[in-house]
């Protein structure tokens, strides 16, 4: 009985330590407000007109022009095609990156082959090369292949990332026991079967995190799409937004409305899959 009471007291104390105090909640609220303020300001600016935005002090509450500005941005920027193209580009890049980097990370983490360390160093070393250096040869390549203003010109150059390979290699080194792979080999499992039935389930939390990061990065990418694509052809969201507000005095309210349209799908995706993503992160943390 004494040991049970002591255990209960220890559990109660541990539970009490998990509760945050007022300072913790105040800091969390402050950070949440700071994170949400840009989105809130974008929505407020999108609901006003250009004249009101130019006044001092600026507006801090919603106006009545939100739907009008959204309609203007949707029409002027060809936002329907841009959202579809961006979904295809970001989804394909995220899926390809997760697939290929998981396989490569498994090879670097658990397989033995010649020059493995040298190849890993070279792979990581590519992260130090500025992307601007590859623009000219890359554009010459897609022009030679007649891929200008086509989505594959944006998808293929970023289908694999050195960061993803390194990230998955570091995760699988700790999360995947070498004995499990060797036992599967002894049972006659092929490399494809090991990857499908052992590597992918073990790497699922890291794959979810990497997929989310890659999708957001591909969705917000501007530098290479503005070179490879055109606004009137196959634009992505970021390329389409460059055509908004043109004129002697740019219409900031329409620009903000377009930015809001380009941000809403990301918010919707995180709302739908946020619990699974956070669960994957927590599962990986517990395993680590």
Protein backbone atom coordinates (compact mmCIF):
# COMPACT_ATOMS: atom_id res chain seq x y z
CA UNK A 1 0.00 0.00 0.00
CA UNK A 2 2.85 2.36 0.88
CA UNK A 3 4.59 1.78 -2.44
CA UNK A 4 1.31 2.35 -4.32
CA UNK A 5 0.73 5.66 -2.53
CA UNK A 6 4.29 6.72 -3.24
CA UNK A 7 3.79 5.81 -6.89
CA UNK A 8 0.60 7.86 -7.04
CA UNK A 9 2.30 10.86 -5.45
CA UNK A 10 5.21 10.59 -7.87
CA UNK A 11 2.78 10.39 -10.81
CA UNK A 12 0.81 13.37 -9.51
CA UNK A 13 4.00 15.41 -9.14
CA UNK A 14 5.13 14.44 -12.62
CA UNK A 15 1.71 15.38 -13.99
CA UNK A 16 1.85 18.73 -12.23
CA UNK A 17 5.24 19.46 -13.83
CA UNK A 18 3.68 19.03 -17.28
CA UNK A 19 1.24 21.91 -16.78
CA UNK A 20 2.42 25.32 -17.94
CA UNK A 21 2.07 28.40 -15.79
CA UNK A 22 0.78 31.83 -16.65
CA UNK A 23 4.12 32.96 -18.03
CA UNK A 24 4.20 29.99 -20.38
CA UNK A 25 0.74 30.70 -21.71
CA UNK A 26 1.53 34.40 -22.05
CA UNK A 27 4.64 33.63 -24.12
CA UNK A 28 2.73 31.14 -26.28
CA UNK A 29 -0.08 33.64 -26.89
CA UNK A 30 2.48 36.32 -27.79
CA UNK A 31 4.22 34.06 -30.31
CA UNK A 32 0.88 32.90 -31.76
CA UNK A 33 -0.29 36.50 -32.18
CA UNK A 34 2.99 37.43 -33.85
CA UNK A 35 2.70 34.48 -36.22
CA UNK A 36 -0.92 35.19 -37.14
CA UNK A 37 -0.54 38.95 -37.56
CA UNK A 38 0.85 38.85 -41.16
CA UNK A 39 -2.03 36.64 -42.26
CA UNK A 40 -4.56 38.84 -40.48
CA UNK A 41 -3.08 41.98 -42.03
CA UNK A 42 -3.19 40.37 -45.49
CA UNK A 43 -6.89 39.66 -45.04
CA UNK A 44 -7.57 43.19 -43.74
CA UNK A 45 -5.66 44.79 -46.62
CA UNK A 46 -7.46 42.56 -49.13
CA UNK A 47 -10.81 43.82 -47.82
CA UNK A 48 -9.95 47.51 -48.29
CA UNK A 49 -9.25 49.73 -51.29
CA UNK A 50 -5.95 51.25 -52.36
CA UNK A 51 -6.87 54.73 -51.12
CA UNK A 52 -7.58 53.56 -47.57
CA UNK A 53 -4.36 51.55 -47.42
CA UNK A 54 -2.36 54.65 -48.28
CA UNK A 55 -3.78 56.62 -45.35
CA UNK A 56 -2.17 57.01 -41.94
CA UNK A 57 -2.86 55.26 -39.65
CA UNK A 58 -3.54 52.14 -41.76
CA UNK A 59 -6.75 50.17 -41.21
CA UNK A 60 -6.76 47.47 -38.56
CA UNK A 61 -10.18 45.97 -39.25
CA UNK A 62 -11.96 44.45 -42.24
CA UNK A 63 -13.64 46.50 -44.94
CA UNK A 64 -16.30 45.64 -47.49
CA UNK A 65 -14.21 45.00 -50.63
CA UNK A 66 -12.90 41.53 -49.84
CA UNK A 67 -14.95 39.49 -52.32
CA UNK A 68 -14.58 42.14 -55.03
CA UNK A 69 -10.79 42.13 -54.69
CA UNK A 70 -10.69 38.33 -54.57
CA UNK A 71 -12.70 38.16 -57.77
CA UNK A 72 -10.41 40.70 -59.45
CA UNK A 73 -7.29 38.83 -58.37
CA UNK A 74 -8.78 35.49 -59.48
CA UNK A 75 -9.57 36.85 -62.93
CA UNK A 76 -6.52 39.04 -63.57
CA UNK A 77 -3.95 36.50 -62.38
CA UNK A 78 -5.56 33.41 -63.94
CA UNK A 79 -5.54 32.03 -60.42
CA UNK A 80 -7.53 28.89 -61.18
CA UNK A 81 -4.88 27.52 -63.54
CA UNK A 82 -2.12 28.78 -61.27
CA UNK A 83 -3.50 26.91 -58.24
CA UNK A 84 -3.93 23.72 -60.26
CA UNK A 85 -0.39 23.96 -61.67
CA UNK A 86 1.10 24.70 -58.27
CA UNK A 87 -0.74 21.76 -56.70
CA UNK A 88 0.62 19.45 -59.40
CA UNK A 89 4.15 20.85 -59.13
CA UNK A 90 4.34 20.92 -55.33
CA UNK A 91 2.65 17.53 -54.92
CA UNK A 92 4.90 15.83 -57.48
CA UNK A 93 8.06 17.38 -56.05
CA UNK A 94 7.09 16.43 -52.49
CA UNK A 95 6.21 12.84 -53.43
CA UNK A 96 9.34 12.38 -55.55
CA UNK A 97 11.61 13.92 -52.95
CA UNK A 98 10.21 11.76 -50.15
CA UNK A 99 10.46 8.59 -52.25
CA UNK A 100 13.95 9.06 -53.67
CA UNK A 101 15.56 10.60 -50.59
CA UNK A 102 14.21 7.83 -48.35
CA UNK A 103 15.77 5.19 -50.59
CA UNK A 104 19.03 7.13 -50.83
CA UNK A 105 19.05 7.79 -47.09
CA UNK A 106 18.55 4.09 -46.40
CA UNK A 107 21.48 3.25 -48.71
CA UNK A 108 23.79 5.71 -46.96
CA UNK A 109 22.61 4.65 -43.50
CA UNK A 110 22.54 0.85 -43.69
CA UNK A 111 24.14 -0.47 -46.87
CA UNK A 112 27.81 -1.08 -47.50
CA UNK A 113 29.33 -0.06 -50.81
CA UNK A 114 32.52 1.53 -52.11
CA UNK A 115 33.06 5.27 -51.78
CA UNK A 116 29.96 5.63 -49.60
CA UNK A 117 31.43 8.35 -47.39
CA UNK A 118 32.86 10.24 -50.37
CA UNK A 119 29.51 10.19 -52.15
CA UNK A 120 27.75 11.38 -49.00
CA UNK A 121 30.19 14.27 -48.63
CA UNK A 122 29.71 15.22 -52.28
CA UNK A 123 25.94 15.09 -51.86
CA UNK A 124 26.02 17.34 -48.82
CA UNK A 125 28.52 19.60 -50.57
CA UNK A 126 25.98 20.43 -53.26
CA UNK A 127 24.00 22.29 -50.60
CA UNK A 128 26.80 24.86 -50.46
CA UNK A 129 26.53 25.73 -54.17
CA UNK A 130 24.36 28.83 -54.73
CA UNK A 131 21.36 27.96 -56.93
CA UNK A 132 22.02 31.07 -59.04
CA UNK A 133 25.11 29.39 -60.52
CA UNK A 134 23.04 26.67 -62.17
CA UNK A 135 20.40 28.94 -63.71
CA UNK A 136 22.11 29.54 -67.07
CA UNK A 137 23.06 25.90 -67.86
CA UNK A 138 19.71 24.67 -66.55
CA UNK A 139 17.77 27.11 -68.72
CA UNK A 140 19.88 26.14 -71.74
CA UNK A 141 19.04 22.49 -71.05
CA UNK A 142 15.27 23.00 -70.83
CA UNK A 143 15.39 25.23 -73.93
CA UNK A 144 17.20 22.48 -75.81
CA UNK A 145 14.58 19.96 -74.66
CA UNK A 146 11.79 22.42 -75.62
CA UNK A 147 10.42 22.40 -72.08
CA UNK A 148 10.15 26.18 -71.73
CA UNK A 149 6.86 27.17 -70.09
CA UNK A 150 6.06 23.54 -69.24
CA UNK A 151 5.63 22.15 -65.74
CA UNK A 152 8.31 19.45 -66.07
CA UNK A 153 10.87 22.25 -66.36
CA UNK A 154 10.05 23.17 -62.75
CA UNK A 155 9.47 19.66 -61.40
CA UNK A 156 12.46 17.65 -62.58
CA UNK A 157 15.34 19.92 -61.40
CA UNK A 158 14.03 19.83 -57.81
CA UNK A 159 12.77 16.26 -57.63
CA UNK A 160 15.60 15.23 -55.27
CA UNK A 161 17.26 17.37 -52.61
CA UNK A 162 20.58 16.91 -50.85
CA UNK A 163 18.99 18.07 -47.61
CA UNK A 164 16.37 15.34 -47.91
CA UNK A 165 19.02 12.66 -48.42
CA UNK A 166 20.98 13.85 -45.39
CA UNK A 167 17.81 14.20 -43.28
CA UNK A 168 16.59 10.69 -44.05
CA UNK A 169 20.06 9.21 -43.61
CA UNK A 170 20.36 10.72 -40.13
CA UNK A 171 16.88 9.54 -39.15
CA UNK A 172 17.23 5.98 -40.44
CA UNK A 173 20.62 5.57 -38.80
CA UNK A 174 18.91 5.71 -35.40
CA UNK A 175 15.35 4.59 -36.13
CA UNK A 176 16.05 1.49 -38.23
CA UNK A 177 17.94 -1.34 -36.47
CA UNK A 178 20.63 -2.90 -38.63
CA UNK A 179 19.74 -6.32 -37.22
CA UNK A 180 16.23 -6.03 -38.65
CA UNK A 181 17.58 -5.44 -42.15
CA UNK A 182 20.06 -8.29 -41.83
CA UNK A 183 17.33 -10.64 -40.57
CA UNK A 184 15.18 -9.77 -43.60
CA UNK A 185 18.16 -10.50 -45.86
CA UNK A 186 18.66 -13.89 -44.23
CA UNK A 187 14.98 -14.69 -44.81
CA UNK A 188 15.48 -14.09 -48.52
CA UNK A 189 13.78 -10.69 -48.80
CA UNK A 190 14.78 -8.64 -51.82
CA UNK A 191 15.95 -5.02 -51.58
CA UNK A 192 12.61 -3.79 -52.93
CA UNK A 193 10.69 -5.78 -50.35
CA UNK A 194 12.92 -4.55 -47.53
CA UNK A 195 12.37 -0.96 -48.60
CA UNK A 196 8.61 -1.37 -48.93
CA UNK A 197 7.89 -3.43 -45.78
CA UNK A 198 10.65 -2.29 -43.41
CA UNK A 199 12.24 1.01 -44.44
CA UNK A 200 9.09 2.93 -45.37
CA UNK A 201 7.14 2.03 -42.17
CA UNK A 202 10.16 2.90 -40.00
CA UNK A 203 10.72 6.19 -41.82
CA UNK A 204 7.07 7.26 -41.89
CA UNK A 205 7.38 10.07 -39.29
CA UNK A 206 10.41 11.57 -41.03
CA UNK A 207 8.74 11.15 -44.43
CA UNK A 208 5.73 13.13 -43.21
CA UNK A 209 7.90 15.98 -41.96
CA UNK A 210 10.07 16.05 -45.08
CA UNK A 211 7.00 15.90 -47.32
CA UNK A 212 5.40 18.85 -45.52
CA UNK A 213 8.57 20.96 -45.69
CA UNK A 214 9.15 20.13 -49.35
CA UNK A 215 5.55 20.83 -50.33
CA UNK A 216 5.59 24.26 -48.67
CA UNK A 217 8.95 25.12 -50.21
CA UNK A 218 7.81 24.05 -53.69
CA UNK A 219 4.53 25.95 -53.29
CA UNK A 220 6.35 29.17 -52.35
CA UNK A 221 9.21 28.80 -54.84
CA UNK A 222 9.58 31.87 -57.03
CA UNK A 223 13.14 32.17 -58.38
CA UNK A 224 13.24 29.27 -60.85
CA UNK A 225 9.53 29.22 -61.86
CA UNK A 226 9.64 32.90 -62.87
CA UNK A 227 12.51 32.01 -65.25
CA UNK A 228 11.11 28.76 -66.65
CA UNK A 229 7.40 29.70 -66.84
CA UNK A 230 5.34 32.64 -68.06
CA UNK A 231 2.26 34.26 -66.64
CA UNK A 232 0.15 33.71 -69.75
CA UNK A 233 1.25 30.08 -70.28
CA UNK A 234 1.49 27.65 -67.37
CA UNK A 235 2.01 29.88 -64.32
CA UNK A 236 2.36 28.75 -60.76
CA UNK A 237 0.85 30.85 -57.99
CA UNK A 238 3.99 32.87 -57.38
CA UNK A 239 4.42 33.59 -61.10
CA UNK A 240 0.75 34.55 -61.47
CA UNK A 241 0.98 36.99 -58.57
CA UNK A 242 3.64 39.02 -60.40
CA UNK A 243 0.96 40.18 -62.84
CA UNK A 244 -1.27 41.70 -60.18
CA UNK A 245 -1.38 45.38 -59.43
CA UNK A 246 0.43 46.48 -62.54
CA UNK A 247 0.15 50.11 -63.48
CA UNK A 248 1.44 53.52 -62.51
CA UNK A 249 0.06 53.01 -58.99
CA UNK A 250 -0.04 49.31 -58.02
CA UNK A 251 -3.30 48.24 -56.41
CA UNK A 252 -2.04 46.85 -53.10
CA UNK A 253 -5.47 45.57 -52.05
CA UNK A 254 -5.72 43.34 -55.15
CA UNK A 255 -2.15 42.15 -54.61
CA UNK A 256 -3.01 41.22 -51.02
CA UNK A 257 -6.15 39.44 -52.23
CA UNK A 258 -4.04 37.37 -54.62
CA UNK A 259 -1.57 36.56 -51.86
CA UNK A 260 -4.49 35.46 -49.67
CA UNK A 261 -5.77 33.17 -52.43
CA UNK A 262 -2.32 31.64 -52.75
CA UNK A 263 -2.04 31.05 -49.01
CA UNK A 264 -5.46 29.52 -48.31
CA UNK A 265 -4.68 26.08 -49.86
CA UNK A 266 -1.67 25.70 -47.56
CA UNK A 267 -3.79 26.57 -44.54
CA UNK A 268 -6.45 24.11 -45.67
CA UNK A 269 -3.90 21.34 -46.18
CA UNK A 270 -2.41 21.88 -42.74
CA UNK A 271 -5.88 21.96 -41.18
CA UNK A 272 -6.74 18.60 -42.76
CA UNK A 273 -3.38 16.85 -42.30
CA UNK A 274 -1.99 18.79 -39.35
CA UNK A 275 -2.87 16.15 -36.77
CA UNK A 276 -1.18 13.40 -38.81
CA UNK A 277 1.92 15.56 -39.35
CA UNK A 278 2.24 16.49 -35.68
CA UNK A 279 1.58 12.87 -34.71
CA UNK A 280 4.38 11.77 -37.03
CA UNK A 281 6.76 14.32 -35.51
CA UNK A 282 5.89 13.19 -31.98
CA UNK A 283 6.25 9.52 -32.94
CA UNK A 284 9.69 10.22 -34.35
CA UNK A 285 10.66 12.15 -31.20
CA UNK A 286 9.57 9.28 -28.95
CA UNK A 287 11.49 6.78 -31.07
CA UNK A 288 14.59 8.98 -30.98
